[in-house]
Protein backbone atom coordinates (compact mmCIF):
# COMPACT_ATOMS: atom_id res chain seq x y z
CA MET A 1 -153.07 -41.65 -32.81
CA ASN A 2 -154.40 -38.53 -31.05
CA ASP A 3 -152.52 -36.47 -28.47
CA PHE A 4 -154.06 -38.21 -25.46
CA GLY A 5 -153.21 -41.59 -26.97
CA LEU A 6 -149.54 -40.59 -27.19
CA LYS A 7 -149.57 -39.38 -23.60
CA TRP A 8 -151.15 -42.65 -22.47
CA GLN A 9 -148.54 -44.62 -24.38
CA LYS A 10 -145.75 -42.73 -22.62
CA PHE A 11 -147.40 -43.40 -19.26
CA VAL A 12 -147.74 -47.14 -19.94
CA ASP A 13 -144.14 -47.32 -21.15
CA VAL A 14 -142.79 -45.77 -17.92
CA VAL A 15 -145.07 -47.83 -15.68
CA VAL A 16 -144.62 -51.21 -17.39
CA ASN A 17 -141.28 -51.14 -19.16
CA LYS A 18 -139.31 -48.83 -16.88
CA GLY A 19 -140.48 -50.16 -13.55
CA GLY A 20 -142.84 -47.35 -12.59
CA TYR A 21 -145.27 -49.92 -11.18
CA ARG A 22 -142.79 -50.58 -8.36
CA ASP A 23 -143.06 -46.95 -7.26
CA ILE A 24 -146.85 -47.15 -7.43
CA LEU A 25 -146.95 -50.32 -5.33
CA GLU A 26 -144.53 -48.85 -2.78
CA GLY A 27 -146.49 -45.61 -2.62
CA LEU A 28 -149.83 -47.40 -2.31
CA GLY A 29 -148.46 -49.65 0.41
CA ASN A 30 -147.09 -46.71 2.40
CA THR A 31 -150.33 -44.75 1.97
CA ILE A 32 -152.47 -47.59 3.31
CA LYS A 33 -149.97 -48.50 6.05
CA ILE A 34 -149.70 -44.95 7.38
CA ALA A 35 -153.45 -44.35 7.28
CA VAL A 36 -154.45 -47.68 8.85
CA ILE A 37 -151.87 -47.73 11.67
CA GLY A 38 -152.31 -43.99 12.19
CA LEU A 39 -156.06 -44.47 12.65
CA ILE A 40 -155.53 -47.34 15.11
CA ILE A 41 -153.14 -45.18 17.15
CA GLY A 42 -155.60 -42.31 16.92
CA ILE A 43 -158.51 -44.41 18.17
CA LEU A 44 -156.51 -45.78 21.11
CA ILE A 45 -155.12 -42.43 22.27
CA GLY A 46 -158.26 -40.52 21.31
CA THR A 47 -160.44 -42.84 23.38
CA VAL A 48 -158.26 -42.25 26.45
CA ILE A 49 -158.44 -38.48 25.94
CA ALA A 50 -162.22 -38.61 25.45
CA ALA A 51 -162.67 -40.71 28.60
CA VAL A 52 -160.69 -38.14 30.60
CA LYS A 53 -162.69 -35.27 29.06
CA VAL A 54 -166.03 -36.72 30.20
CA MET A 55 -164.71 -37.95 33.56
CA PRO A 56 -166.01 -36.11 36.66
CA LYS A 57 -163.38 -33.60 37.79
CA TYR A 58 -163.70 -34.18 41.54
CA LYS A 59 -160.05 -35.12 41.96
CA ARG A 60 -156.92 -33.25 40.96
CA LEU A 61 -155.50 -35.85 38.52
CA PRO A 62 -158.45 -35.70 36.08
CA ARG A 63 -158.25 -31.89 36.09
CA VAL A 64 -154.51 -31.90 35.36
CA LEU A 65 -154.88 -34.51 32.61
CA ASP A 66 -157.76 -32.54 31.10
CA ARG A 67 -155.57 -29.43 30.81
CA ILE A 68 -152.67 -31.38 29.31
CA PHE A 69 -154.92 -33.06 26.76
CA SER A 70 -156.55 -29.72 25.90
CA ILE A 71 -153.11 -28.34 24.98
CA TYR A 72 -152.35 -31.52 23.02
CA VAL A 73 -155.60 -31.32 21.04
CA GLY A 74 -155.16 -27.60 20.48
CA PHE A 75 -151.69 -28.09 19.00
CA PHE A 76 -152.57 -30.89 16.61
CA ARG A 77 -155.84 -29.33 15.49
CA GLY A 78 -154.31 -25.87 15.19
CA THR A 79 -151.27 -26.66 13.03
CA PRO A 80 -151.06 -28.12 9.50
CA MET A 81 -150.04 -31.75 9.07
CA VAL A 82 -146.96 -30.67 7.08
CA VAL A 83 -145.73 -28.55 10.00
CA GLN A 84 -146.22 -31.46 12.39
CA LEU A 85 -144.27 -33.81 10.12
CA LEU A 86 -141.41 -31.33 9.72
CA ILE A 87 -141.19 -30.64 13.46
CA GLY A 88 -141.36 -34.34 14.29
CA TYR A 89 -138.82 -35.53 11.73
CA PHE A 90 -136.32 -32.65 11.84
CA VAL A 91 -136.70 -31.37 15.41
CA ILE A 92 -138.28 -33.66 18.01
CA PHE A 93 -136.84 -37.05 17.07
CA PRO A 94 -133.30 -35.68 16.45
CA LEU A 95 -133.40 -33.89 19.83
CA MET A 96 -134.45 -37.16 21.44
CA GLY A 97 -131.56 -38.91 19.71
CA VAL A 98 -133.95 -41.32 18.01
CA GLY A 99 -133.08 -42.60 14.56
CA ILE A 100 -136.33 -43.17 12.73
CA SER A 101 -137.32 -43.74 9.12
CA SER A 102 -139.51 -41.19 7.36
CA VAL A 103 -142.36 -43.70 7.03
CA ASP A 104 -142.27 -44.58 10.75
CA CYS A 105 -142.22 -40.89 11.59
CA CYS A 106 -145.30 -40.41 9.40
CA ILE A 107 -147.11 -43.25 11.17
CA ILE A 108 -146.44 -41.71 14.59
CA ILE A 109 -147.33 -38.15 13.60
CA PHE A 110 -150.46 -39.25 11.71
CA GLY A 111 -151.49 -41.29 14.75
CA LEU A 112 -150.99 -38.38 17.15
CA ASN A 113 -152.80 -36.03 14.78
CA SER A 114 -155.69 -38.44 14.35
CA ALA A 115 -155.98 -38.85 18.14
CA ALA A 116 -156.71 -35.14 18.51
CA TYR A 117 -159.68 -35.42 16.14
CA VAL A 118 -160.85 -38.85 17.28
CA SER A 119 -160.91 -37.62 20.88
CA GLU A 120 -163.56 -35.06 19.99
CA ILE A 121 -165.46 -37.60 17.88
CA MET A 122 -165.33 -40.16 20.68
CA ARG A 123 -166.33 -37.59 23.30
CA SER A 124 -169.48 -36.73 21.38
CA GLY A 125 -170.14 -40.45 20.93
CA ILE A 126 -169.80 -41.11 24.65
CA GLN A 127 -172.09 -38.21 25.47
CA SER A 128 -174.69 -39.55 23.02
CA VAL A 129 -175.02 -42.73 25.11
CA ASP A 130 -177.81 -42.57 27.68
CA ILE A 131 -176.38 -41.66 31.08
CA GLY A 132 -178.48 -44.47 32.50
CA GLN A 133 -176.01 -46.94 30.98
CA MET A 134 -173.23 -45.60 33.19
CA GLU A 135 -175.51 -45.54 36.23
CA ALA A 136 -176.60 -49.12 35.58
CA GLY A 137 -173.01 -50.29 35.34
CA ARG A 138 -172.05 -48.56 38.57
CA ALA A 139 -175.14 -50.01 40.28
CA LEU A 140 -173.92 -53.49 39.34
CA GLY A 141 -170.66 -52.80 41.17
CA LEU A 142 -168.48 -52.02 38.17
CA SER A 143 -165.84 -49.30 38.49
CA TYR A 144 -166.07 -46.10 36.43
CA GLY A 145 -163.29 -47.26 34.12
CA ARG A 146 -164.73 -50.76 33.69
CA THR A 147 -168.20 -49.41 32.93
CA MET A 148 -166.78 -46.94 30.44
CA LEU A 149 -164.71 -49.62 28.70
CA SER A 150 -167.27 -52.43 28.67
CA VAL A 151 -170.61 -50.63 28.42
CA VAL A 152 -170.38 -47.03 27.24
CA ILE A 153 -167.53 -47.01 24.68
CA PRO A 154 -168.84 -50.01 22.62
CA GLN A 155 -172.17 -48.20 22.22
CA ALA A 156 -170.40 -44.93 21.44
CA VAL A 157 -168.36 -46.58 18.68
CA LYS A 158 -171.57 -47.70 16.95
CA ASN A 159 -172.84 -44.12 17.00
CA ILE A 160 -169.66 -42.59 15.58
CA LEU A 161 -168.69 -45.28 13.07
CA PRO A 162 -169.49 -43.14 9.97
CA THR A 163 -167.44 -40.26 11.41
CA LEU A 164 -164.51 -42.59 12.09
CA GLY A 165 -164.79 -43.70 8.46
CA ASN A 166 -164.52 -40.07 7.39
CA GLU A 167 -161.43 -39.68 9.58
CA PHE A 168 -159.85 -42.67 7.83
CA ILE A 169 -160.63 -41.15 4.43
CA THR A 170 -159.06 -37.88 5.58
CA LEU A 171 -155.87 -39.70 6.63
CA ILE A 172 -155.71 -41.46 3.25
CA LYS A 173 -155.85 -38.14 1.43
CA GLU A 174 -153.46 -36.36 3.80
CA THR A 175 -150.70 -38.88 3.09
CA SER A 176 -150.08 -36.85 -0.07
CA VAL A 177 -147.90 -34.49 2.03
CA ILE A 178 -145.46 -37.07 3.41
CA ASN A 179 -143.02 -36.39 0.56
CA PHE A 180 -141.98 -33.27 2.53
CA ILE A 181 -139.87 -35.54 4.75
CA GLY A 182 -138.74 -37.87 1.97
CA ALA A 183 -141.35 -40.64 2.29
CA THR A 184 -142.93 -42.19 -0.79
CA ASP A 185 -146.69 -42.24 -1.10
CA LEU A 186 -149.10 -42.69 -3.99
CA CYS A 187 -148.87 -39.01 -4.94
CA THR A 188 -145.05 -39.08 -4.93
CA ALA A 189 -145.03 -42.21 -7.11
CA PHE A 190 -147.16 -40.61 -9.83
CA LYS A 191 -145.14 -37.40 -9.69
CA LYS A 192 -142.02 -39.48 -10.32
CA ILE A 193 -143.69 -41.22 -13.25
CA GLY A 194 -144.68 -37.83 -14.68
CA THR A 195 -141.11 -36.59 -14.34
CA ASN A 196 -139.69 -39.68 -16.06
CA SER A 197 -142.16 -39.46 -18.95
CA TYR A 198 -142.01 -35.65 -19.22
CA GLU A 199 -145.80 -35.72 -19.21
CA PHE A 200 -148.08 -35.19 -16.20
CA MET A 201 -151.62 -35.25 -17.56
CA VAL A 202 -152.18 -39.02 -17.59
CA PRO A 203 -150.27 -39.78 -14.34
CA TYR A 204 -152.30 -37.20 -12.43
CA ILE A 205 -155.60 -38.43 -13.89
CA VAL A 206 -154.74 -42.02 -12.92
CA MET A 207 -153.63 -40.83 -9.47
CA ALA A 208 -156.98 -39.10 -8.92
CA VAL A 209 -158.82 -42.26 -9.99
CA CYS A 210 -156.78 -44.32 -7.51
CA TYR A 211 -157.75 -42.04 -4.63
CA ILE A 212 -161.41 -42.05 -5.70
CA VAL A 213 -161.44 -45.86 -5.82
CA MET A 214 -159.86 -46.13 -2.35
CA VAL A 215 -162.34 -43.66 -0.87
CA TYR A 216 -165.24 -45.49 -2.52
CA LEU A 217 -164.09 -48.85 -1.15
CA ILE A 218 -163.66 -47.44 2.36
CA SER A 219 -167.13 -45.87 2.22
CA LEU A 220 -168.58 -49.18 1.02
CA ILE A 221 -166.94 -51.12 3.85
CA ILE A 222 -168.21 -48.63 6.44
CA LYS A 223 -171.76 -48.95 5.09
CA LEU A 224 -171.57 -52.74 5.20
CA VAL A 225 -170.34 -52.68 8.80
CA GLU A 226 -173.09 -50.22 9.75
CA ARG A 227 -175.71 -52.47 8.16
CA ARG A 228 -174.34 -55.50 10.01
CA LEU A 229 -174.42 -53.65 13.34
CA LYS A 230 -177.99 -52.50 12.76
CA LYS A 231 -179.06 -56.09 12.04
CA SER A 232 -177.40 -57.33 15.25
CA ASP A 233 -179.14 -54.56 17.23
CA ARG A 234 -182.54 -55.57 15.86
CA ARG A 235 -181.89 -59.20 16.78
CA ASN A 236 -181.00 -58.19 20.31
């Protein structure tokens, strides 16, 4: 048996016989959970921020909110994810007196981070929609908020769907840093397997393949959704 065969045998032994698969399943579950819920939070908050950004600034409240959101976006886009996780887990939540698990902290921070990027994505999507759509909605007696929610944003989402898919892929890959606050992700699981087998080549190769497969599946799903939306548009 060659050298790689021995390394593979050690990897299989740790994964199958010593329970390493449990760490992989836990890490995979946390990776997907953090990325999915984080993206949902990001879309919800990011859409609100984008709506405020494109809102006419005739009144004082929109101007104040715009400045607050600008600071928010600047912070989360200007600092590394690791720094945000460390500040959230070891500074902000303890100061608030909130007991929170490392995984829940990751979900919140990833969501807030994603919102900063989604807000810019959504803003460009909203601005890509013909202004006549907003004018038509207002002419029908709909409020600004109702027109934005029912007419403009659905069209904007269609335009930015590929970019939102890229944001989801980014979140999947960025979960590899959550071990800094003690959470287990896919990367942490394979590091643990490498430590237990005293051999890191095979675990890291398999880890890379896992990420590639996840990214491929996400990209495939996004393409299928895009194709379905294009078909529905042609029918309409």
